[in-house]
N, C-alpha and C. Protein backbone atom coordinates (compact mmCIF):
# COMPACT_ATOMS: atom_id res chain seq x y z
N UNK A 1 77.49 114.40 106.65
CA UNK A 1 78.00 113.03 106.05
C UNK A 1 78.45 113.05 104.73
N UNK A 2 79.53 111.89 104.69
CA UNK A 2 80.46 112.31 103.44
C UNK A 2 80.01 111.31 102.62
N UNK A 3 79.90 111.30 101.64
CA UNK A 3 79.62 110.25 100.55
C UNK A 3 80.79 110.25 99.43
N UNK A 4 81.33 109.21 99.01
CA UNK A 4 81.79 109.02 98.11
C UNK A 4 81.63 108.40 96.87
N UNK A 5 81.44 108.64 95.79
CA UNK A 5 81.21 108.28 94.50
C UNK A 5 82.01 107.38 94.35
N UNK A 6 81.85 106.19 93.13
CA UNK A 6 82.60 105.52 92.69
C UNK A 6 82.76 105.65 91.05
N UNK A 7 83.83 105.75 90.96
CA UNK A 7 84.72 106.49 89.57
C UNK A 7 84.07 105.63 88.48
N UNK A 8 84.26 105.85 87.71
CA UNK A 8 83.96 104.79 86.30
C UNK A 8 84.69 103.78 85.72
N UNK A 9 84.29 102.77 85.64
CA UNK A 9 85.25 101.55 85.22
C UNK A 9 86.35 101.77 84.35
N UNK A 10 87.52 101.33 84.89
CA UNK A 10 88.52 101.36 83.55
C UNK A 10 89.60 102.24 83.98
N UNK A 11 89.20 103.26 85.15
CA UNK A 11 90.09 104.81 85.69
C UNK A 11 91.48 103.96 86.45
N UNK A 12 91.66 103.38 87.09
CA UNK A 12 92.71 102.39 87.57
C UNK A 12 93.70 102.09 86.51
N UNK A 13 93.22 101.48 85.63
CA UNK A 13 93.72 100.71 83.99
C UNK A 13 94.13 102.17 83.31
N UNK A 14 93.42 103.56 83.08
CA UNK A 14 94.30 104.59 82.51
C UNK A 14 95.61 105.17 83.72
N UNK A 15 95.63 105.18 84.72
CA UNK A 15 96.50 106.03 85.52
C UNK A 15 97.65 104.79 85.41
N UNK A 16 97.54 103.43 86.24
CA UNK A 16 98.97 102.90 86.62
C UNK A 16 98.75 101.11 85.92
N UNK A 17 100.05 101.39 85.30
CA UNK A 17 100.32 99.46 85.03
C UNK A 17 99.62 98.74 86.53
N UNK A 18 99.57 97.53 85.48
CA UNK A 18 99.33 96.15 86.93
C UNK A 18 99.48 96.25 88.23
N UNK A 19 100.89 96.04 87.64
CA UNK A 19 102.03 95.93 89.31
C UNK A 19 101.79 97.57 90.15
N UNK A 20 102.05 98.57 89.16
CA UNK A 20 101.03 99.44 90.03
C UNK A 20 100.03 99.47 90.81
N UNK A 21 99.03 99.17 90.32
CA UNK A 21 97.81 99.02 90.77
C UNK A 21 98.03 97.91 92.26
N UNK A 22 98.38 97.05 91.71
CA UNK A 22 98.28 96.23 93.08
C UNK A 22 98.91 96.23 94.52
N UNK A 23 100.47 96.98 93.95
CA UNK A 23 101.14 97.32 94.94
C UNK A 23 100.87 98.80 95.81
N UNK A 24 100.25 99.99 95.16
CA UNK A 24 99.62 100.73 95.19
C UNK A 24 98.41 100.72 96.32
N UNK A 25 97.33 99.52 95.65
CA UNK A 25 96.44 99.66 96.43
C UNK A 25 96.68 98.65 97.81
N UNK A 26 97.92 98.02 98.00
CA UNK A 26 98.14 97.51 99.19
C UNK A 26 98.34 98.64 99.88
N UNK A 27 99.57 99.19 99.70
CA UNK A 27 100.48 100.17 100.75
C UNK A 27 99.31 101.42 100.79
N UNK A 28 98.55 101.84 100.40
CA UNK A 28 97.82 102.95 99.97
C UNK A 28 96.38 102.34 100.57
N UNK A 29 96.09 101.61 100.47
CA UNK A 29 94.89 100.81 100.61
C UNK A 29 94.74 100.43 102.23
N UNK A 30 96.06 100.36 102.85
CA UNK A 30 95.93 100.04 103.94
C UNK A 30 97.46 100.92 104.94
N UNK A 31 97.23 102.31 104.66
CA UNK A 31 98.16 102.99 105.13
C UNK A 31 98.82 102.92 106.55
N UNK A 32 98.10 102.50 107.74
CA UNK A 32 98.33 102.41 108.96
C UNK A 32 99.30 100.75 108.95
N UNK A 33 99.43 99.89 107.92
CA UNK A 33 99.87 98.82 107.98
C UNK A 33 101.72 98.53 107.22
N UNK A 34 102.22 98.03 108.14
CA UNK A 34 103.82 98.06 107.42
C UNK A 34 103.94 96.58 106.58
N UNK A 35 104.09 96.39 105.38
CA UNK A 35 104.50 95.34 104.91
C UNK A 35 105.92 94.56 104.36
N UNK A 36 105.82 93.49 104.86
CA UNK A 36 107.49 92.95 104.41
C UNK A 36 107.42 92.71 103.13
N UNK A 37 108.58 92.39 102.30
CA UNK A 37 109.18 92.81 101.03
C UNK A 37 108.22 91.57 100.15
N UNK A 38 108.29 90.32 101.16
CA UNK A 38 108.43 89.39 100.50
C UNK A 38 106.44 89.31 100.35
N UNK A 39 106.11 89.82 101.34
CA UNK A 39 104.59 89.62 101.56
C UNK A 39 104.14 90.31 100.29
N UNK A 40 104.54 91.55 100.24
CA UNK A 40 103.62 92.30 99.14
C UNK A 40 104.21 91.55 97.56
N UNK A 41 104.94 90.79 97.52
CA UNK A 41 105.40 90.30 96.47
C UNK A 41 104.34 89.41 96.34
N UNK A 42 104.07 88.19 97.31
CA UNK A 42 103.11 87.22 97.23
C UNK A 42 101.90 87.82 97.56
N UNK A 43 100.95 89.14 97.82
CA UNK A 43 100.08 89.62 97.76
C UNK A 43 99.76 90.68 96.79
N UNK A 44 101.15 91.01 95.70
CA UNK A 44 100.05 91.08 94.63
C UNK A 44 100.34 90.60 93.23
N UNK A 45 100.92 89.30 93.53
CA UNK A 45 101.26 88.12 92.85
C UNK A 45 101.43 88.77 91.29
N UNK A 46 102.70 89.55 91.43
CA UNK A 46 103.77 89.91 90.51
C UNK A 46 104.81 89.30 90.57
N UNK A 47 105.85 89.61 89.59
CA UNK A 47 106.77 88.87 89.66
C UNK A 47 108.14 89.87 90.87
N UNK A 48 108.72 89.36 91.29
CA UNK A 48 110.02 90.06 92.20
C UNK A 48 110.37 90.98 91.92
N UNK A 49 111.22 91.15 90.59
CA UNK A 49 112.03 92.28 90.22
C UNK A 49 110.81 93.38 90.08
N UNK A 50 109.64 92.79 89.35
CA UNK A 50 108.68 93.95 88.81
C UNK A 50 108.39 94.97 90.33
N UNK A 51 108.19 94.05 91.53
CA UNK A 51 107.37 94.57 92.34
C UNK A 51 108.91 95.14 92.85
N UNK A 52 109.84 95.13 92.76
CA UNK A 52 111.02 95.69 93.77
C UNK A 52 111.62 96.94 93.38
N UNK A 53 111.36 97.16 91.55
CA UNK A 53 111.50 98.23 91.22
C UNK A 53 110.44 99.23 91.47
N UNK A 54 109.48 99.36 91.98
CA UNK A 54 107.92 99.78 91.96
C UNK A 54 107.98 100.23 93.65
N UNK A 55 108.55 99.44 94.18
CA UNK A 55 109.12 99.95 95.23
C UNK A 55 110.25 100.69 95.72
N UNK A 56 110.88 100.46 94.77
CA UNK A 56 112.39 101.65 95.02
C UNK A 56 111.99 102.65 94.16
N UNK A 57 110.93 102.83 93.37
CA UNK A 57 110.49 104.22 92.47
C UNK A 57 109.59 104.68 93.68
N UNK A 58 108.67 103.86 94.51
CA UNK A 58 108.35 105.04 95.32
C UNK A 58 109.34 105.36 96.36
N UNK A 59 109.88 104.67 96.96
CA UNK A 59 110.77 105.09 98.28
C UNK A 59 111.52 106.14 97.85
N UNK A 60 112.24 106.31 96.79
CA UNK A 60 113.18 107.34 95.83
C UNK A 60 111.84 108.77 96.02
N UNK A 61 111.01 108.59 95.29
CA UNK A 61 109.59 109.67 95.44
C UNK A 61 109.05 110.08 97.41
N UNK A 62 109.78 109.35 97.72
CA UNK A 62 109.28 109.67 99.53
C UNK A 62 107.82 109.80 99.41
N UNK A 63 107.69 108.55 98.65
CA UNK A 63 106.32 108.39 99.38
C UNK A 63 105.63 107.01 100.19
N UNK A 64 106.58 106.67 100.65
CA UNK A 64 106.35 105.26 101.25
C UNK A 64 107.92 105.09 102.00
N UNK A 65 108.17 104.56 103.06
CA UNK A 65 109.24 104.76 104.07
C UNK A 65 109.48 103.27 103.95
N UNK A 66 110.94 102.94 104.29
CA UNK A 66 111.59 101.68 104.11
C UNK A 66 112.06 101.49 105.71
N UNK A 67 112.32 100.31 106.57
CA UNK A 67 112.74 100.09 107.59
C UNK A 67 113.43 98.62 107.81
N UNK A 68 114.58 98.12 108.29
CA UNK A 68 114.73 97.14 108.00
C UNK A 68 114.93 96.53 109.24
N UNK A 69 114.47 95.41 109.05
CA UNK A 69 114.48 94.41 110.92
C UNK A 69 115.09 93.03 110.41
N UNK A 70 116.75 93.22 110.71
CA UNK A 70 117.72 91.82 110.44
C UNK A 70 117.13 91.99 108.68
N UNK A 71 117.10 90.80 108.60
CA UNK A 71 116.96 90.65 106.98
C UNK A 71 115.79 91.45 106.09
N UNK A 72 114.96 91.52 106.85
CA UNK A 72 113.66 91.89 105.99
C UNK A 72 113.99 93.53 106.04
N UNK A 73 113.00 93.94 104.97
CA UNK A 73 112.74 94.99 104.73
C UNK A 73 111.00 95.41 104.84
N UNK A 74 110.87 96.27 105.25
CA UNK A 74 109.53 96.45 105.83
C UNK A 74 109.02 98.09 105.00
N UNK A 75 107.70 98.00 104.21
CA UNK A 75 107.20 99.45 103.55
C UNK A 75 106.12 99.46 104.20
N UNK A 76 106.29 101.03 104.16
CA UNK A 76 104.80 101.62 104.48
C UNK A 76 104.37 102.77 104.07
N UNK A 77 102.93 103.24 103.76
CA UNK A 77 103.44 104.45 103.12
C UNK A 77 103.00 105.33 103.51
N UNK A 78 104.09 106.66 103.37
CA UNK A 78 104.06 107.85 104.29
C UNK A 78 102.82 108.49 104.09
N UNK A 79 102.34 109.04 105.75
CA UNK A 79 101.54 109.59 105.98
C UNK A 79 102.28 111.21 106.08
N UNK A 80 103.09 111.51 105.36
CA UNK A 80 103.60 113.31 105.81
C UNK A 80 103.86 113.27 104.84
N UNK A 81 103.88 113.09 103.54
CA UNK A 81 104.04 113.10 102.04
C UNK A 81 102.55 113.71 101.79
N UNK A 82 103.08 115.17 100.83
CA UNK A 82 102.15 116.06 100.58
C UNK A 82 101.01 115.92 99.80
N UNK A 83 101.33 114.60 99.00
CA UNK A 83 100.44 114.00 98.00
C UNK A 83 99.58 112.46 98.90
N UNK A 84 100.08 112.58 100.11
CA UNK A 84 99.11 111.63 101.02
C UNK A 84 97.65 111.29 100.91
N UNK A 85 96.82 112.32 100.92
CA UNK A 85 95.84 112.45 100.99
C UNK A 85 95.23 112.24 99.97
N UNK A 86 95.61 112.91 99.25
CA UNK A 86 95.16 112.55 97.73
C UNK A 86 95.41 110.98 97.04
N UNK A 87 96.39 110.56 96.98
CA UNK A 87 96.75 109.06 96.61
C UNK A 87 95.85 107.93 97.37
N UNK A 88 95.99 108.25 98.68
CA UNK A 88 95.07 107.17 99.61
C UNK A 88 94.00 107.57 99.11
N UNK A 89 93.14 108.41 98.97
CA UNK A 89 91.66 108.78 98.70
C UNK A 89 91.39 108.17 97.32
N UNK A 90 92.49 108.13 96.37
CA UNK A 90 92.54 107.45 94.70
C UNK A 90 92.77 106.23 95.10
N UNK A 91 93.77 105.94 95.79
CA UNK A 91 93.70 104.75 95.91
C UNK A 91 92.70 103.50 96.21
N UNK A 92 92.16 104.29 97.69
CA UNK A 92 90.71 103.52 98.13
C UNK A 92 89.51 103.68 96.89
N UNK A 93 89.18 104.74 95.98
CA UNK A 93 88.25 104.46 95.50
C UNK A 93 88.30 103.75 93.91
N UNK A 94 89.54 103.34 93.90
CA UNK A 94 90.00 102.79 92.59
C UNK A 94 90.30 100.54 93.30
N UNK A 95 91.59 100.98 93.23
CA UNK A 95 92.37 99.34 93.43
C UNK A 95 92.12 99.10 94.86
N UNK A 96 92.36 99.80 95.88
CA UNK A 96 92.66 99.78 96.72
C UNK A 96 91.65 99.11 97.91
N UNK A 97 89.97 99.57 97.06
CA UNK A 97 89.05 98.82 97.84
C UNK A 97 88.55 98.79 97.07
N UNK A 98 87.43 99.20 96.47
CA UNK A 98 86.17 99.19 95.69
C UNK A 98 85.96 98.73 94.46
N UNK A 99 87.24 98.85 93.87
CA UNK A 99 86.92 97.67 92.36
C UNK A 99 87.13 95.78 92.48
N UNK A 100 87.92 95.83 93.57
CA UNK A 100 88.73 94.32 94.25
C UNK A 100 86.81 94.18 94.72
N UNK A 101 86.30 95.12 95.22
CA UNK A 101 84.83 94.27 95.88
C UNK A 101 84.00 94.43 94.67
N UNK A 102 83.41 95.23 93.91
CA UNK A 102 83.13 95.16 92.19
C UNK A 102 83.40 93.97 91.67
N UNK A 103 83.96 93.53 91.37
CA UNK A 103 84.96 92.48 90.73
C UNK A 103 84.04 91.45 91.40
N UNK A 104 84.46 91.17 92.34
CA UNK A 104 83.88 90.11 93.17
C UNK A 104 82.17 89.86 93.36
N UNK A 105 81.31 91.20 93.37
CA UNK A 105 80.04 91.34 93.36
C UNK A 105 79.65 91.22 91.67
N UNK A 106 80.30 91.67 90.99
CA UNK A 106 79.58 91.50 89.56
C UNK A 106 78.74 90.49 88.89
N UNK A 107 79.41 89.04 89.37
CA UNK A 107 78.50 88.11 88.67
C UNK A 107 76.69 88.47 89.54
N UNK A 108 76.80 89.16 90.60
CA UNK A 108 75.56 89.16 91.39
C UNK A 108 74.92 90.64 91.46
N UNK A 109 75.53 91.33 90.63
CA UNK A 109 75.30 92.96 90.56
C UNK A 109 73.73 93.30 89.56
N UNK A 110 72.81 92.12 89.02
CA UNK A 110 71.66 92.55 88.34
C UNK A 110 70.87 92.57 89.73
N UNK A 111 71.34 91.63 90.95
CA UNK A 111 70.07 91.48 91.97
C UNK A 111 70.82 92.09 92.92
N UNK A 112 71.95 93.33 92.98
CA UNK A 112 72.25 94.43 93.87
C UNK A 112 71.75 95.44 93.50
N UNK A 113 70.86 96.22 94.39
CA UNK A 113 70.43 98.02 94.21
C UNK A 113 71.40 98.53 94.58
N UNK A 114 72.11 98.63 96.14
CA UNK A 114 72.84 99.22 96.38
C UNK A 114 74.26 98.56 97.22
N UNK A 115 75.39 98.64 97.27
CA UNK A 115 76.25 98.41 97.82
C UNK A 115 77.78 99.58 98.28
N UNK A 116 77.64 99.34 99.50
CA UNK A 116 78.85 100.57 99.96
C UNK A 116 79.32 99.97 101.26
N UNK A 117 80.41 100.23 101.70
CA UNK A 117 81.42 100.42 102.46
C UNK A 117 80.92 101.12 103.57
N UNK A 118 81.32 100.56 105.03
CA UNK A 118 81.14 102.21 105.95
C UNK A 118 81.56 101.41 107.40
N UNK A 119 81.73 102.15 108.46
CA UNK A 119 82.38 101.54 109.07
C UNK A 119 83.85 102.54 109.68
N UNK A 120 84.75 102.14 109.94
CA UNK A 120 85.96 102.61 110.54
C UNK A 120 86.83 102.54 108.96
N UNK A 121 86.03 101.90 107.69
CA UNK A 121 87.27 102.56 106.27
C UNK A 121 86.54 103.31 105.60
N UNK A 122 85.47 103.52 106.19
CA UNK A 122 84.84 104.76 105.35
C UNK A 122 85.45 106.03 106.06
N UNK A 123 85.46 106.43 107.24
CA UNK A 123 85.56 107.32 107.96
C UNK A 123 86.85 107.31 108.63
N UNK A 124 87.63 106.79 107.79
CA UNK A 124 89.41 106.92 107.28
C UNK A 124 89.82 106.69 109.40
N UNK A 125 89.36 105.79 110.15
CA UNK A 125 89.87 105.36 111.33
C UNK A 125 90.11 104.19 111.36
N UNK A 126 90.68 103.43 110.79
CA UNK A 126 91.02 101.97 110.44
C UNK A 126 92.24 101.56 111.24
N UNK A 127 92.56 100.41 111.17
CA UNK A 127 93.95 99.97 111.80
C UNK A 127 94.03 99.16 111.34
N UNK A 128 95.32 98.50 111.37
CA UNK A 128 95.20 97.33 110.59
C UNK A 128 94.97 96.13 110.28
N UNK A 129 94.01 95.50 112.10
CA UNK A 129 93.27 94.76 111.83
C UNK A 129 91.65 95.04 111.69
N UNK A 130 90.98 96.36 110.88
CA UNK A 130 90.15 96.69 110.65
C UNK A 130 89.47 95.83 109.56
N UNK A 131 88.29 95.85 109.88
CA UNK A 131 87.74 94.46 108.36
C UNK A 131 87.15 95.65 107.83
N UNK A 132 86.55 95.15 106.67
CA UNK A 132 86.01 95.96 105.47
C UNK A 132 84.42 95.77 105.72
N UNK A 133 83.44 96.47 105.66
CA UNK A 133 81.98 96.64 106.61
C UNK A 133 81.80 96.82 105.30
N UNK A 134 80.16 95.91 104.67
CA UNK A 134 80.04 96.07 103.59
C UNK A 134 78.55 95.95 103.87
N UNK A 135 77.45 97.05 103.13
CA UNK A 135 76.10 96.65 103.26
C UNK A 135 75.70 96.91 101.74
N UNK A 136 75.19 95.59 101.42
CA UNK A 136 74.52 95.13 100.12
C UNK A 136 71.97 95.37 100.66
N UNK A 137 71.84 96.08 99.81
CA UNK A 137 70.56 96.27 99.49
C UNK A 137 70.00 95.65 98.78
N UNK A 138 69.21 94.42 98.58
CA UNK A 138 68.92 93.15 97.83
C UNK A 138 67.72 92.37 98.03
N UNK A 139 66.68 92.64 96.66
CA UNK A 139 65.55 91.52 97.33
C UNK A 139 65.34 90.25 97.60
N UNK A 140 66.71 89.57 96.80
CA UNK A 140 66.73 88.38 96.74
C UNK A 140 68.17 87.36 97.12
N UNK A 141 69.08 88.45 97.04
CA UNK A 141 70.29 88.08 98.08
C UNK A 141 70.40 87.12 99.13
N UNK A 142 71.43 86.14 99.58
CA UNK A 142 71.70 86.03 101.20
C UNK A 142 72.62 86.25 101.60
N UNK A 143 73.20 86.01 103.01
CA UNK A 143 74.34 86.11 103.07
C UNK A 143 75.69 85.45 103.06
N UNK A 144 75.00 83.78 103.04
CA UNK A 144 75.41 83.07 102.23
C UNK A 144 76.18 83.51 100.55
N UNK A 145 75.59 84.06 100.00
CA UNK A 145 75.83 84.19 98.68
C UNK A 145 77.09 85.14 98.09
N UNK A 146 76.66 86.45 99.33
CA UNK A 146 77.44 87.29 99.29
C UNK A 146 78.81 86.78 100.02
N UNK A 147 78.95 85.86 101.00
CA UNK A 147 80.16 85.15 101.86
C UNK A 147 81.03 84.88 100.88
N UNK A 148 80.01 83.99 100.21
CA UNK A 148 81.00 83.17 98.73
C UNK A 148 82.02 83.80 97.94
N UNK A 149 80.92 84.99 97.38
CA UNK A 149 81.27 86.09 96.63
C UNK A 149 82.33 86.77 96.80
N UNK A 150 82.25 86.87 98.27
CA UNK A 150 83.88 87.86 98.38
C UNK A 150 85.03 87.91 98.67
N UNK A 151 85.20 86.36 99.09
CA UNK A 151 86.46 85.31 99.26
C UNK A 151 87.29 85.77 98.40
N UNK A 152 87.08 86.20 96.94
CA UNK A 152 88.25 86.60 96.24
C UNK A 152 89.14 88.12 96.27
N UNK A 153 87.82 89.04 96.61
CA UNK A 153 88.37 89.96 97.17
C UNK A 153 88.85 90.40 98.90
N UNK A 154 88.53 89.27 99.47
CA UNK A 154 89.27 89.58 100.57
C UNK A 154 90.98 88.48 100.41
N UNK A 155 91.44 88.12 99.18
CA UNK A 155 92.58 87.74 99.35
C UNK A 155 92.97 88.69 98.89
N UNK A 156 92.77 90.02 97.90
CA UNK A 156 93.49 90.95 96.88
C UNK A 156 93.75 92.09 98.40
N UNK A 157 92.50 92.46 98.91
CA UNK A 157 92.85 93.40 99.74
C UNK A 157 93.69 92.59 101.25
N UNK A 158 93.61 91.48 101.54
CA UNK A 158 94.39 91.18 102.36
C UNK A 158 93.87 91.55 104.06
N UNK A 159 92.45 91.81 103.33
CA UNK A 159 91.47 91.76 105.12
C UNK A 159 90.22 91.60 104.84
N UNK A 160 89.38 90.96 105.53
CA UNK A 160 88.11 90.39 105.76
C UNK A 160 87.18 91.12 105.10
N UNK A 161 85.98 90.62 104.75
CA UNK A 161 84.72 91.88 104.39
C UNK A 161 83.46 91.47 105.13
N UNK A 162 82.90 91.94 105.90
CA UNK A 162 81.67 91.62 106.37
C UNK A 162 80.24 92.23 106.01
N UNK A 163 79.55 91.24 105.03
CA UNK A 163 78.67 91.43 104.30
C UNK A 163 77.24 91.58 105.48
N UNK A 164 76.70 92.84 105.42
CA UNK A 164 75.39 92.67 106.01
C UNK A 164 74.41 93.50 104.41
N UNK A 165 73.33 92.18 104.62
CA UNK A 165 72.53 92.03 103.32
C UNK A 165 70.88 92.43 104.09
N UNK A 166 70.67 93.42 103.70
CA UNK A 166 68.88 94.03 103.84
C UNK A 166 68.07 94.05 102.57
N UNK A 167 67.08 93.83 102.59
CA UNK A 167 65.82 94.51 101.05
C UNK A 167 65.93 95.81 101.41
N UNK A 168 65.94 96.68 99.92
CA UNK A 168 65.53 98.22 99.98
C UNK A 168 64.61 98.69 101.17
N UNK A 169 63.29 97.65 101.20
CA UNK A 169 61.59 97.51 102.21
C UNK A 169 62.69 98.13 103.69
N UNK A 170 63.21 97.09 104.13
CA UNK A 170 63.64 96.65 105.47
C UNK A 170 64.76 97.98 105.80
N UNK A 171 65.59 98.55 104.49
CA UNK A 171 66.51 99.51 105.16
C UNK A 171 66.01 100.55 104.75
N UNK A 172 64.56 101.11 104.04
CA UNK A 172 64.01 102.04 104.76
C UNK A 172 63.44 102.32 105.98
N UNK A 173 62.69 101.12 106.35
CA UNK A 173 61.97 101.20 107.40
C UNK A 173 62.89 101.22 108.50
N UNK A 174 63.69 100.29 108.87
CA UNK A 174 65.09 100.53 109.94
C UNK A 174 65.46 102.05 109.78
N UNK A 175 65.95 102.28 108.79
CA UNK A 175 66.58 103.96 108.72
C UNK A 175 65.85 104.74 109.85
N UNK A 176 64.29 104.87 109.21
CA UNK A 176 63.33 105.49 110.19
C UNK A 176 63.55 105.13 111.68
N UNK A 177 63.74 104.61 112.38
CA UNK A 177 63.59 103.86 113.34
C UNK A 177 65.15 104.35 114.75
N UNK A 178 64.29 105.65 115.27
CA UNK A 178 65.71 105.43 115.94
C UNK A 178 66.98 104.80 116.58
N UNK A 179 67.98 105.50 116.30
CA UNK A 179 69.13 104.77 117.25
C UNK A 179 68.82 103.24 116.54
N UNK A 180 68.81 102.57 115.61
CA UNK A 180 68.62 101.24 114.34
C UNK A 180 69.99 101.39 114.33
N UNK A 181 70.42 100.21 113.41
CA UNK A 181 71.36 99.93 112.95
C UNK A 181 71.56 100.80 111.84
N UNK A 182 70.61 100.69 111.05
CA UNK A 182 70.88 101.44 109.94
C UNK A 182 70.64 102.90 109.65
N UNK A 183 69.85 103.66 110.68
CA UNK A 183 69.76 105.37 111.29
C UNK A 183 70.79 105.53 111.31
N UNK A 184 72.15 104.82 111.91
CA UNK A 184 73.22 105.21 112.67
C UNK A 184 74.17 104.97 111.55
N UNK A 185 74.14 104.27 110.35
CA UNK A 185 75.04 104.33 109.11
C UNK A 185 74.74 105.08 107.87
N UNK A 186 73.16 105.43 108.17
CA UNK A 186 72.78 106.23 107.44
C UNK A 186 73.28 107.52 107.21
N UNK A 187 73.61 108.02 108.63
CA UNK A 187 74.25 109.42 108.79
C UNK A 187 76.42 109.75 108.79
N UNK A 188 76.37 108.23 108.24
CA UNK A 188 77.84 108.31 108.58
C UNK A 188 78.55 108.08 107.29
N UNK A 189 79.86 108.40 106.96
CA UNK A 189 80.22 108.34 105.72
C UNK A 189 80.28 106.96 105.27
N UNK A 190 80.28 106.82 103.61
CA UNK A 190 80.23 105.95 102.94
C UNK A 190 81.23 105.46 101.70
N UNK A 191 81.34 104.88 100.87
CA UNK A 191 82.07 104.22 99.93
C UNK A 191 80.87 103.55 98.87
N UNK A 192 80.44 104.13 97.84
CA UNK A 192 79.75 103.28 97.52
C UNK A 192 80.68 102.17 95.92
N UNK A 193 80.07 100.86 96.06
CA UNK A 193 80.62 100.18 95.50
C UNK A 193 80.12 99.72 94.02
N UNK A 194 78.45 99.94 94.40
CA UNK A 194 77.35 99.84 93.34
C UNK A 194 76.33 100.58 93.56
N UNK A 195 76.11 101.19 93.00
CA UNK A 195 74.79 102.36 93.31
C UNK A 195 75.22 103.93 93.63
N UNK A 196 74.62 104.53 94.37
CA UNK A 196 74.85 105.53 95.11
C UNK A 196 73.45 106.02 95.98
N UNK A 197 73.13 107.43 96.09
CA UNK A 197 72.75 107.64 97.09
C UNK A 197 71.35 107.80 96.83
N UNK A 198 70.72 108.15 95.78
CA UNK A 198 69.63 107.74 94.94
C UNK A 198 68.74 106.41 95.01
N UNK A 199 69.53 105.18 95.26
CA UNK A 199 69.65 103.80 95.33
C UNK A 199 68.90 103.82 96.64
N UNK A 200 69.54 104.47 97.49
CA UNK A 200 68.72 103.83 98.89
C UNK A 200 67.65 104.94 99.58
N UNK A 201 67.04 105.84 98.72
CA UNK A 201 65.75 105.94 98.77
C UNK A 201 64.52 105.28 98.56
């Protein structure tokens, strides 16, 4: 089972400008997806010139592919780049997944024992239509609390975020049951947004 720990807050700011964070987060957070240039500008919520300059740099460096369909350019992360795995992993652990979800959950964090992404994204088997599966351990939060809070993360990630909430006691009890939902995901890769393995015990 693979666990990806959450980096300290501010790592992305130390490495990338705000425009780079948004563009890299989209392209390398969803490497299976092709984005139209206009779509990237809208989702990155940045100036047209700044996004185009960043896309040109990425293309010149061989990090993204550019294809033209009619008048539209499409951009996609290059899976055959020698640094793809490292860049994808860094982006997922920062701007492409963890940080948008952590920011969305920040007002609720005092009530959360642990939160982690599981499923296809944690396993790196996702497709362009994959949702983000998120498990939250909390004594007091309900699904509706999480659903409302995660709307901002969905807008940034351009993916649906599907939260599941359990109390820590329920998690421990169900994890001990053979073939239960909790026992299955306990053995699968996960990407922590809040907390770590010690908080699951």
